[in-house]
Amino acid sequence: MNSHKRIENLLKSLKNKEKAKILQSFFKTSKGEYGENDIFLGINVPTLRKIAKENSDLDLKTINKLLSSRYHEIRLFSLLLLVKRFEDEPDSRKDILNLYLKNTKYINNWDLVDISSYKIVGRYSFEKNDHTIIEKLSSSQNMWERRIAIISLLYFIKRFSINFPLKILKKVICGKEDLIKKATGWMLREIGKISQESIVEKFIIENYENLSPITINYATERFEISKRKKLLKGFKKREKIDRK
């Protein structure tokens, strides 16, 4: 039996129907929701990490096949392997990045994006000083590719580089999807953690017309309550004016 089928059968054997049912609901897989038609096996992340560690020698061809699986956890498993390979094999990073970018249609839920994008796309872009990949993804019509671009900024932010992240965040703030609004607010909050809150506050004030309350809520989570209320109160005033 080849490696691809062996891993697939192993993970399928761990299926937990009750857990899968809960995950189907949590990750919004009903018709019209962002995770529509995604199928879960009901395997928890620590178990996937353990199996990934035990199978860290799988080649990229096998990982590529696993990444196109119809099962969410098998795709997550393959991404855990890619992240580990990217970290451990500097000479293979370009190949791993290309594999990742060719398969973005399978990186189609927020946990898949968040567990991998900044560690692969973000790290490569930062270390190579190449912003073109994130720029391109941030302009995509595909919501998951835009979220990949946004979460990739975390690698920059954690290294105290905020000018490029602020540029991309300004570009994506008109996104209509809640998962884009939340991701934008999350990155702004992270900028506030490593920099002065005044930078985040300035960004909010300058871009107020295009920001949603969800984004402001996430971005100001660590602000003093009075400052948060003031910013959100301003949003509510704007809503009243818009309704007139």
C-alpha atoms as a PDB file:
ATOM      1  CA  MET A   1       0.000   0.000   0.000  1.00  0.00           C
ATOM      2  CA  ASN A   2       1.377   3.433  -0.923  1.00  0.00           C
ATOM      3  CA  SER A   3       1.945   6.141   1.687  1.00  0.00           C
ATOM      4  CA  HIS A   4      -1.016   8.223   0.556  1.00  0.00           C
ATOM      5  CA  LYS A   5      -3.536   5.382   1.033  1.00  0.00           C
ATOM      6  CA  ARG A   6      -1.887   4.220   4.247  1.00  0.00           C
ATOM      7  CA  ILE A   7      -2.263   7.629   5.895  1.00  0.00           C
ATOM      8  CA  GLU A   8      -5.756   8.126   4.524  1.00  0.00           C
ATOM      9  CA  ASN A   9      -6.899   4.755   5.877  1.00  0.00           C
ATOM     10  CA  LEU A  10      -5.212   5.404   9.222  1.00  0.00           C
ATOM     11  CA  LEU A  11      -6.993   8.720   9.700  1.00  0.00           C
ATOM     12  CA  LYS A  12     -10.323   7.344   8.509  1.00  0.00           C
ATOM     13  CA  SER A  13     -10.025   4.570  11.105  1.00  0.00           C
ATOM     14  CA  LEU A  14     -10.036   7.247  13.831  1.00  0.00           C
ATOM     15  CA  LYS A  15     -13.391   8.649  12.760  1.00  0.00           C
ATOM     16  CA  ASN A  16     -15.636   9.779  15.601  1.00  0.00           C
ATOM     17  CA  LYS A  17     -19.176  10.372  14.348  1.00  0.00           C
ATOM     18  CA  GLU A  18     -20.337  12.385  17.354  1.00  0.00           C
ATOM     19  CA  LYS A  19     -17.298  14.642  17.306  1.00  0.00           C
ATOM     20  CA  ALA A  20     -17.603  15.005  13.527  1.00  0.00           C
ATOM     21  CA  LYS A  21     -21.201  16.166  13.895  1.00  0.00           C
ATOM     22  CA  ILE A  22     -20.147  18.864  16.370  1.00  0.00           C
ATOM     23  CA  LEU A  23     -17.327  20.039  14.091  1.00  0.00           C
ATOM     24  CA  GLN A  24     -19.634  20.132  11.059  1.00  0.00           C
ATOM     25  CA  SER A  25     -21.759  22.650  12.948  1.00  0.00           C
ATOM     26  CA  PHE A  26     -18.864  24.613  14.459  1.00  0.00           C
ATOM     27  CA  PHE A  27     -17.151  25.101  11.110  1.00  0.00           C
ATOM     28  CA  LYS A  28     -20.359  26.195   9.340  1.00  0.00           C
ATOM     29  CA  THR A  29     -20.738  23.437   6.752  1.00  0.00           C
ATOM     30  CA  SER A  30     -24.447  23.879   5.981  1.00  0.00           C
ATOM     31  CA  LYS A  31     -25.676  25.148   2.627  1.00  0.00           C
ATOM     32  CA  GLY A  32     -24.760  28.791   2.071  1.00  0.00           C
ATOM     33  CA  GLU A  33     -22.268  28.886   4.971  1.00  0.00           C
ATOM     34  CA  TYR A  34     -18.544  29.490   4.546  1.00  0.00           C
ATOM     35  CA  GLY A  35     -17.619  25.826   5.086  1.00  0.00           C
ATOM     36  CA  GLU A  36     -20.355  24.406   2.878  1.00  0.00           C
ATOM     37  CA  ASN A  37     -19.825  20.719   1.966  1.00  0.00           C
ATOM     38  CA  ASP A  38     -16.707  20.314   4.121  1.00  0.00           C
ATOM     39  CA  ILE A  39     -16.611  16.818   5.625  1.00  0.00           C
ATOM     40  CA  PHE A  40     -15.155  16.037   9.055  1.00  0.00           C
ATOM     41  CA  LEU A  41     -13.873  12.816  10.565  1.00  0.00           C
ATOM     42  CA  GLY A  42     -13.984  14.071  14.143  1.00  0.00           C
ATOM     43  CA  ILE A  43     -10.252  13.842  14.974  1.00  0.00           C
ATOM     44  CA  ASN A  44      -8.770  16.384  17.385  1.00  0.00           C
ATOM     45  CA  VAL A  45      -5.700  18.476  16.571  1.00  0.00           C
ATOM     46  CA  PRO A  46      -3.343  16.948  19.203  1.00  0.00           C
ATOM     47  CA  THR A  47      -3.954  13.512  17.646  1.00  0.00           C
ATOM     48  CA  LEU A  48      -3.237  14.881  14.168  1.00  0.00           C
ATOM     49  CA  ARG A  49      -0.036  16.515  15.415  1.00  0.00           C
ATOM     50  CA  LYS A  50       1.102  13.231  16.963  1.00  0.00           C
ATOM     51  CA  ILE A  51       0.485  11.270  13.763  1.00  0.00           C
ATOM     52  CA  ALA A  52       2.163  14.013  11.698  1.00  0.00           C
ATOM     53  CA  LYS A  53       5.235  13.781  13.934  1.00  0.00           C
ATOM     54  CA  GLU A  54       5.311  10.005  13.446  1.00  0.00           C
ATOM     55  CA  ASN A  55       5.100  10.440   9.663  1.00  0.00           C
ATOM     56  CA  SER A  56       7.324  13.474   9.182  1.00  0.00           C
ATOM     57  CA  ASP A  57       9.306  11.696   6.449  1.00  0.00           C
ATOM     58  CA  LEU A  58       6.422  11.691   3.944  1.00  0.00           C
ATOM     59  CA  ASP A  59       7.518  13.141   0.610  1.00  0.00           C
ATOM     60  CA  LEU A  60       5.980  16.258  -0.927  1.00  0.00           C
ATOM     61  CA  LYS A  61       4.208  14.246  -3.625  1.00  0.00           C
ATOM     62  CA  THR A  62       2.318  12.289  -0.966  1.00  0.00           C
ATOM     63  CA  ILE A  63       1.554  15.424   1.052  1.00  0.00           C
ATOM     64  CA  ASN A  64       0.229  17.054  -2.099  1.00  0.00           C
ATOM     65  CA  LYS A  65      -2.229  14.178  -2.606  1.00  0.00           C
ATOM     66  CA  LEU A  66      -3.361  14.344   1.015  1.00  0.00           C
ATOM     67  CA  LEU A  67      -3.929  18.096   0.754  1.00  0.00           C
ATOM     68  CA  SER A  68      -6.640  17.546  -1.865  1.00  0.00           C
ATOM     69  CA  SER A  69      -8.595  15.150   0.360  1.00  0.00           C
ATOM     70  CA  ARG A  70     -12.343  15.628   0.796  1.00  0.00           C
ATOM     71  CA  TYR A  71     -11.820  15.211   4.545  1.00  0.00           C
ATOM     72  CA  HIS A  72     -11.006  18.315   6.574  1.00  0.00           C
ATOM     73  CA  GLU A  73      -8.689  16.583   9.044  1.00  0.00           C
ATOM     74  CA  ILE A  74      -6.630  14.960   6.296  1.00  0.00           C
ATOM     75  CA  ARG A  75      -6.072  18.372   4.737  1.00  0.00           C
ATOM     76  CA  LEU A  76      -5.160  19.746   8.168  1.00  0.00           C
ATOM     77  CA  PHE A  77      -2.765  16.845   8.695  1.00  0.00           C
ATOM     78  CA  SER A  78      -1.012  17.616   5.398  1.00  0.00           C
ATOM     79  CA  LEU A  79      -0.657  21.290   6.336  1.00  0.00           C
ATOM     80  CA  LEU A  80       0.916  20.356   9.675  1.00  0.00           C
ATOM     81  CA  LEU A  81       3.472  18.326   7.711  1.00  0.00           C
ATOM     82  CA  LEU A  82       4.136  21.199   5.297  1.00  0.00           C
ATOM     83  CA  VAL A  83       4.709  23.651   8.144  1.00  0.00           C
ATOM     84  CA  LYS A  84       7.158  21.259   9.810  1.00  0.00           C
ATOM     85  CA  ARG A  85       9.001  20.598   6.540  1.00  0.00           C
ATOM     86  CA  PHE A  86       9.194  24.313   5.799  1.00  0.00           C
ATOM     87  CA  GLU A  87      10.729  24.910   9.229  1.00  0.00           C
ATOM     88  CA  ASP A  88      13.230  22.051   9.024  1.00  0.00           C
ATOM     89  CA  GLU A  89      14.272  22.154   5.351  1.00  0.00           C
ATOM     90  CA  PRO A  90      15.457  25.625   4.249  1.00  0.00           C
ATOM     91  CA  ASP A  91      16.547  24.306   0.841  1.00  0.00           C
ATOM     92  CA  SER A  92      13.016  23.051   0.101  1.00  0.00           C
ATOM     93  CA  ARG A  93      11.125  26.180   1.121  1.00  0.00           C
ATOM     94  CA  LYS A  94      10.495  27.429  -2.392  1.00  0.00           C
ATOM     95  CA  ASP A  95       9.040  24.065  -3.424  1.00  0.00           C
ATOM     96  CA  ILE A  96       6.880  23.900  -0.315  1.00  0.00           C
ATOM     97  CA  LEU A  97       5.623  27.440  -0.877  1.00  0.00           C
ATOM     98  CA  ASN A  98       4.745  26.653  -4.498  1.00  0.00           C
ATOM     99  CA  LEU A  99       2.889  23.507  -3.450  1.00  0.00           C
ATOM    100  CA  TYR A 100       0.972  25.533  -0.869  1.00  0.00           C
ATOM    101  CA  LEU A 101       0.006  28.267  -3.328  1.00  0.00           C
ATOM    102  CA  LYS A 102      -1.101  25.757  -5.976  1.00  0.00           C
ATOM    103  CA  ASN A 103      -3.477  24.195  -3.469  1.00  0.00           C
ATOM    104  CA  THR A 104      -5.183  27.216  -1.885  1.00  0.00           C
ATOM    105  CA  LYS A 105      -8.594  25.929  -3.028  1.00  0.00           C
ATOM    106  CA  TYR A 106      -8.154  23.125  -0.490  1.00  0.00           C
ATOM    107  CA  ILE A 107      -7.066  25.488   2.309  1.00  0.00           C
ATOM    108  CA  ASN A 108     -10.678  26.463   2.686  1.00  0.00           C
ATOM    109  CA  ASN A 109     -11.540  26.955   6.329  1.00  0.00           C
ATOM    110  CA  TRP A 110     -10.224  29.360   8.914  1.00  0.00           C
ATOM    111  CA  ASP A 111      -8.317  26.791  10.981  1.00  0.00           C
ATOM    112  CA  LEU A 112      -6.518  25.493   7.887  1.00  0.00           C
ATOM    113  CA  VAL A 113      -5.491  29.030   6.987  1.00  0.00           C
ATOM    114  CA  ASP A 114      -4.548  30.126  10.485  1.00  0.00           C
ATOM    115  CA  ILE A 115      -2.402  27.097  11.313  1.00  0.00           C
ATOM    116  CA  SER A 116      -0.271  27.393   8.188  1.00  0.00           C
ATOM    117  CA  SER A 117      -0.301  30.682   6.285  1.00  0.00           C
ATOM    118  CA  TYR A 118       1.943  32.886   8.410  1.00  0.00           C
ATOM    119  CA  LYS A 119       4.412  30.049   8.976  1.00  0.00           C
ATOM    120  CA  ILE A 120       4.822  29.442   5.245  1.00  0.00           C
ATOM    121  CA  VAL A 121       3.664  32.408   3.144  1.00  0.00           C
ATOM    122  CA  GLY A 122       4.380  34.977   5.862  1.00  0.00           C
ATOM    123  CA  ARG A 123       7.816  33.626   6.745  1.00  0.00           C
ATOM    124  CA  TYR A 124       8.916  33.272   3.120  1.00  0.00           C
ATOM    125  CA  SER A 125       7.704  36.775   2.235  1.00  0.00           C
ATOM    126  CA  PHE A 126       9.422  38.322   5.240  1.00  0.00           C
ATOM    127  CA  GLU A 127      12.737  36.514   4.950  1.00  0.00           C
ATOM    128  CA  LYS A 128      12.994  37.037   1.186  1.00  0.00           C
ATOM    129  CA  ASN A 129      11.701  40.610   1.468  1.00  0.00           C
ATOM    130  CA  ASP A 130       9.205  39.674  -1.238  1.00  0.00           C
ATOM    131  CA  HIS A 131       5.779  41.259  -0.745  1.00  0.00           C
ATOM    132  CA  THR A 132       4.351  40.290  -4.124  1.00  0.00           C
ATOM    133  CA  ILE A 133       2.752  37.024  -3.006  1.00  0.00           C
ATOM    134  CA  ILE A 134       0.784  38.614  -0.180  1.00  0.00           C
ATOM    135  CA  GLU A 135      -0.094  41.583  -2.371  1.00  0.00           C
ATOM    136  CA  LYS A 136      -1.544  39.256  -4.992  1.00  0.00           C
ATOM    137  CA  LEU A 137      -3.457  37.108  -2.502  1.00  0.00           C
ATOM    138  CA  SER A 138      -4.919  40.186  -0.819  1.00  0.00           C
ATOM    139  CA  SER A 139      -6.559  41.155  -4.135  1.00  0.00           C
ATOM    140  CA  SER A 140      -8.084  37.733  -4.731  1.00  0.00           C
ATOM    141  CA  GLN A 141     -11.802  37.218  -5.262  1.00  0.00           C
ATOM    142  CA  ASN A 142     -11.468  34.104  -3.112  1.00  0.00           C
ATOM    143  CA  MET A 143     -12.127  34.822   0.556  1.00  0.00           C
ATOM    144  CA  TRP A 144      -9.712  32.139   1.779  1.00  0.00           C
ATOM    145  CA  GLU A 145      -6.841  33.526  -0.279  1.00  0.00           C
ATOM    146  CA  ARG A 146      -7.487  36.975   1.180  1.00  0.00           C
ATOM    147  CA  ARG A 147      -7.512  35.479   4.683  1.00  0.00           C
ATOM    148  CA  ILE A 148      -4.210  33.736   3.864  1.00  0.00           C
ATOM    149  CA  ALA A 149      -2.780  37.148   2.939  1.00  0.00           C
ATOM    150  CA  ILE A 150      -4.065  38.755   6.142  1.00  0.00           C
ATOM    151  CA  ILE A 151      -2.931  36.034   8.558  1.00  0.00           C
ATOM    152  CA  SER A 152       0.458  35.854   6.796  1.00  0.00           C
ATOM    153  CA  LEU A 153       1.056  39.373   8.104  1.00  0.00           C
ATOM    154  CA  LEU A 154       1.386  37.909  11.588  1.00  0.00           C
ATOM    155  CA  TYR A 155       4.942  36.808  10.775  1.00  0.00           C
ATOM    156  CA  PHE A 156       5.844  40.421   9.966  1.00  0.00           C
ATOM    157  CA  ILE A 157       4.086  41.816  13.020  1.00  0.00           C
ATOM    158  CA  LYS A 158       5.775  39.406  15.441  1.00  0.00           C
ATOM    159  CA  ARG A 159       9.069  40.736  14.112  1.00  0.00           C
ATOM    160  CA  PHE A 160       8.098  44.357  14.733  1.00  0.00           C
ATOM    161  CA  SER A 161       7.571  45.126  11.051  1.00  0.00           C
ATOM    162  CA  ILE A 162       4.236  46.925  10.747  1.00  0.00           C
ATOM    163  CA  ASN A 163       4.350  49.249   7.722  1.00  0.00           C
ATOM    164  CA  PHE A 164       3.609  46.543   5.172  1.00  0.00           C
ATOM    165  CA  PRO A 165       0.885  44.931   7.335  1.00  0.00           C
ATOM    166  CA  LEU A 166      -0.849  48.300   7.753  1.00  0.00           C
ATOM    167  CA  LYS A 167      -0.743  48.787   3.980  1.00  0.00           C
ATOM    168  CA  ILE A 168      -2.391  45.401   3.332  1.00  0.00           C
ATOM    169  CA  LEU A 169      -4.945  45.839   6.124  1.00  0.00           C
ATOM    170  CA  LYS A 170      -6.031  49.127   4.619  1.00  0.00           C
ATOM    171  CA  LYS A 171      -6.463  47.340   1.311  1.00  0.00           C
ATOM    172  CA  VAL A 172      -8.724  44.575   2.657  1.00  0.00           C
ATOM    173  CA  ILE A 173     -10.961  46.471   5.094  1.00  0.00           C
ATOM    174  CA  CYS A 174     -13.814  46.732   2.602  1.00  0.00           C
ATOM    175  CA  GLY A 175     -14.235  42.950   2.610  1.00  0.00           C
ATOM    176  CA  LYS A 176     -17.830  41.982   3.327  1.00  0.00           C
ATOM    177  CA  GLU A 177     -17.165  38.592   4.922  1.00  0.00           C
ATOM    178  CA  ASP A 178     -17.089  38.309   8.718  1.00  0.00           C
ATOM    179  CA  LEU A 179     -13.991  36.101   8.571  1.00  0.00           C
ATOM    180  CA  ILE A 180     -12.136  38.866   6.740  1.00  0.00           C
ATOM    181  CA  LYS A 181     -13.372  41.529   9.154  1.00  0.00           C
ATOM    182  CA  LYS A 182     -12.324  39.415  12.152  1.00  0.00           C
ATOM    183  CA  ALA A 183      -8.913  38.601  10.674  1.00  0.00           C
ATOM    184  CA  THR A 184      -8.297  42.295   9.988  1.00  0.00           C
ATOM    185  CA  GLY A 185      -9.215  43.222  13.539  1.00  0.00           C
ATOM    186  CA  TRP A 186      -7.032  40.423  14.896  1.00  0.00           C
ATOM    187  CA  MET A 187      -3.958  41.697  13.028  1.00  0.00           C
ATOM    188  CA  LEU A 188      -4.621  45.243  14.212  1.00  0.00           C
ATOM    189  CA  ARG A 189      -4.800  43.936  17.774  1.00  0.00           C
ATOM    190  CA  GLU A 190      -1.476  42.162  17.287  1.00  0.00           C
ATOM    191  CA  ILE A 191       0.068  45.409  16.050  1.00  0.00           C
ATOM    192  CA  GLY A 192      -1.199  47.084  19.206  1.00  0.00           C
ATOM    193  CA  LYS A 193       0.528  44.425  21.301  1.00  0.00           C
ATOM    194  CA  ILE A 194       3.995  45.083  19.892  1.00  0.00           C
ATOM    195  CA  SER A 195       3.621  48.789  19.175  1.00  0.00           C
ATOM    196  CA  GLN A 196       1.822  51.801  20.556  1.00  0.00           C
ATOM    197  CA  GLU A 197      -1.963  51.581  20.722  1.00  0.00           C
ATOM    198  CA  SER A 198      -2.030  55.039  19.203  1.00  0.00           C
ATOM    199  CA  ILE A 199      -0.970  53.525  15.849  1.00  0.00           C
ATOM    200  CA  VAL A 200      -4.013  51.235  15.862  1.00  0.00           C
ATOM    201  CA  GLU A 201      -6.277  54.037  17.046  1.00  0.00           C
ATOM    202  CA  LYS A 202      -4.974  56.291  14.262  1.00  0.00           C
ATOM    203  CA  PHE A 203      -5.624  53.545  11.686  1.00  0.00           C
ATOM    204  CA  ILE A 204      -9.193  53.116  12.950  1.00  0.00           C
ATOM    205  CA  ILE A 205      -9.943  56.832  12.885  1.00  0.00           C
ATOM    206  CA  GLU A 206      -8.429  57.344   9.424  1.00  0.00           C
ATOM    207  CA  ASN A 207     -10.323  54.380   7.953  1.00  0.00           C
ATOM    208  CA  TYR A 208     -13.511  54.663   9.964  1.00  0.00           C
ATOM    209  CA  GLU A 209     -15.816  54.868   6.966  1.00  0.00           C
ATOM    210  CA  ASN A 210     -14.706  51.451   5.728  1.00  0.00           C
ATOM    211  CA  LEU A 211     -14.408  49.592   9.017  1.00  0.00           C
ATOM    212  CA  SER A 212     -17.033  47.310  10.538  1.00  0.00           C
ATOM    213  CA  PRO A 213     -17.883  47.102  14.264  1.00  0.00           C
ATOM    214  CA  ILE A 214     -16.553  43.522  14.234  1.00  0.00           C
ATOM    215  CA  THR A 215     -13.131  44.742  13.125  1.00  0.00           C
ATOM    216  CA  ILE A 216     -13.100  47.540  15.686  1.00  0.00           C
ATOM    217  CA  ASN A 217     -14.151  45.127  18.433  1.00  0.00           C
ATOM    218  CA  TYR A 218     -11.290  42.765  17.651  1.00  0.00           C
ATOM    219  CA  ALA A 219      -8.751  45.546  17.146  1.00  0.00           C
ATOM    220  CA  THR A 220      -9.521  47.326  20.425  1.00  0.00           C
ATOM    221  CA  GLU A 221      -9.893  44.266  22.642  1.00  0.00           C
ATOM    222  CA  ARG A 222      -6.910  45.312  24.773  1.00  0.00           C
ATOM    223  CA  PHE A 223      -7.823  49.006  24.895  1.00  0.00           C
ATOM    224  CA  GLU A 224      -9.160  50.665  28.017  1.00  0.00           C
ATOM    225  CA  ILE A 225     -12.933  50.213  28.209  1.00  0.00           C
ATOM    226  CA  SER A 226     -13.588  53.940  27.919  1.00  0.00           C
ATOM    227  CA  LYS A 227     -11.521  54.216  24.736  1.00  0.00           C
ATOM    228  CA  ARG A 228     -13.216  51.181  23.200  1.00  0.00           C
ATOM    229  CA  LYS A 229     -16.652  52.552  23.956  1.00  0.00           C
ATOM    230  CA  LYS A 230     -15.726  55.890  22.443  1.00  0.00           C
ATOM    231  CA  LEU A 231     -14.597  54.315  19.175  1.00  0.00           C
ATOM    232  CA  LEU A 232     -17.633  52.041  18.939  1.00  0.00           C
ATOM    233  CA  LYS A 233     -19.950  54.888  19.886  1.00  0.00           C
ATOM    234  CA  GLY A 234     -18.592  56.797  16.931  1.00  0.00           C
ATOM    235  CA  PHE A 235     -19.454  53.847  14.717  1.00  0.00           C
ATOM    236  CA  LYS A 236     -23.013  53.773  16.020  1.00  0.00           C
ATOM    237  CA  LYS A 237     -23.377  57.485  15.309  1.00  0.00           C
ATOM    238  CA  ARG A 238     -22.199  56.867  11.779  1.00  0.00           C
ATOM    239  CA  GLU A 239     -24.816  54.134  11.357  1.00  0.00           C
ATOM    240  CA  LYS A 240     -27.586  56.499  12.410  1.00  0.00           C
ATOM    241  CA  ILE A 241     -26.435  59.108   9.912  1.00  0.00           C
ATOM    242  CA  ASP A 242     -26.259  56.512   7.145  1.00  0.00           C
ATOM    243  CA  ARG A 243     -29.856  55.447   7.794  1.00  0.00           C
ATOM    244  CA  LYS A 244     -31.201  58.980   7.384  1.00  0.00           C
END
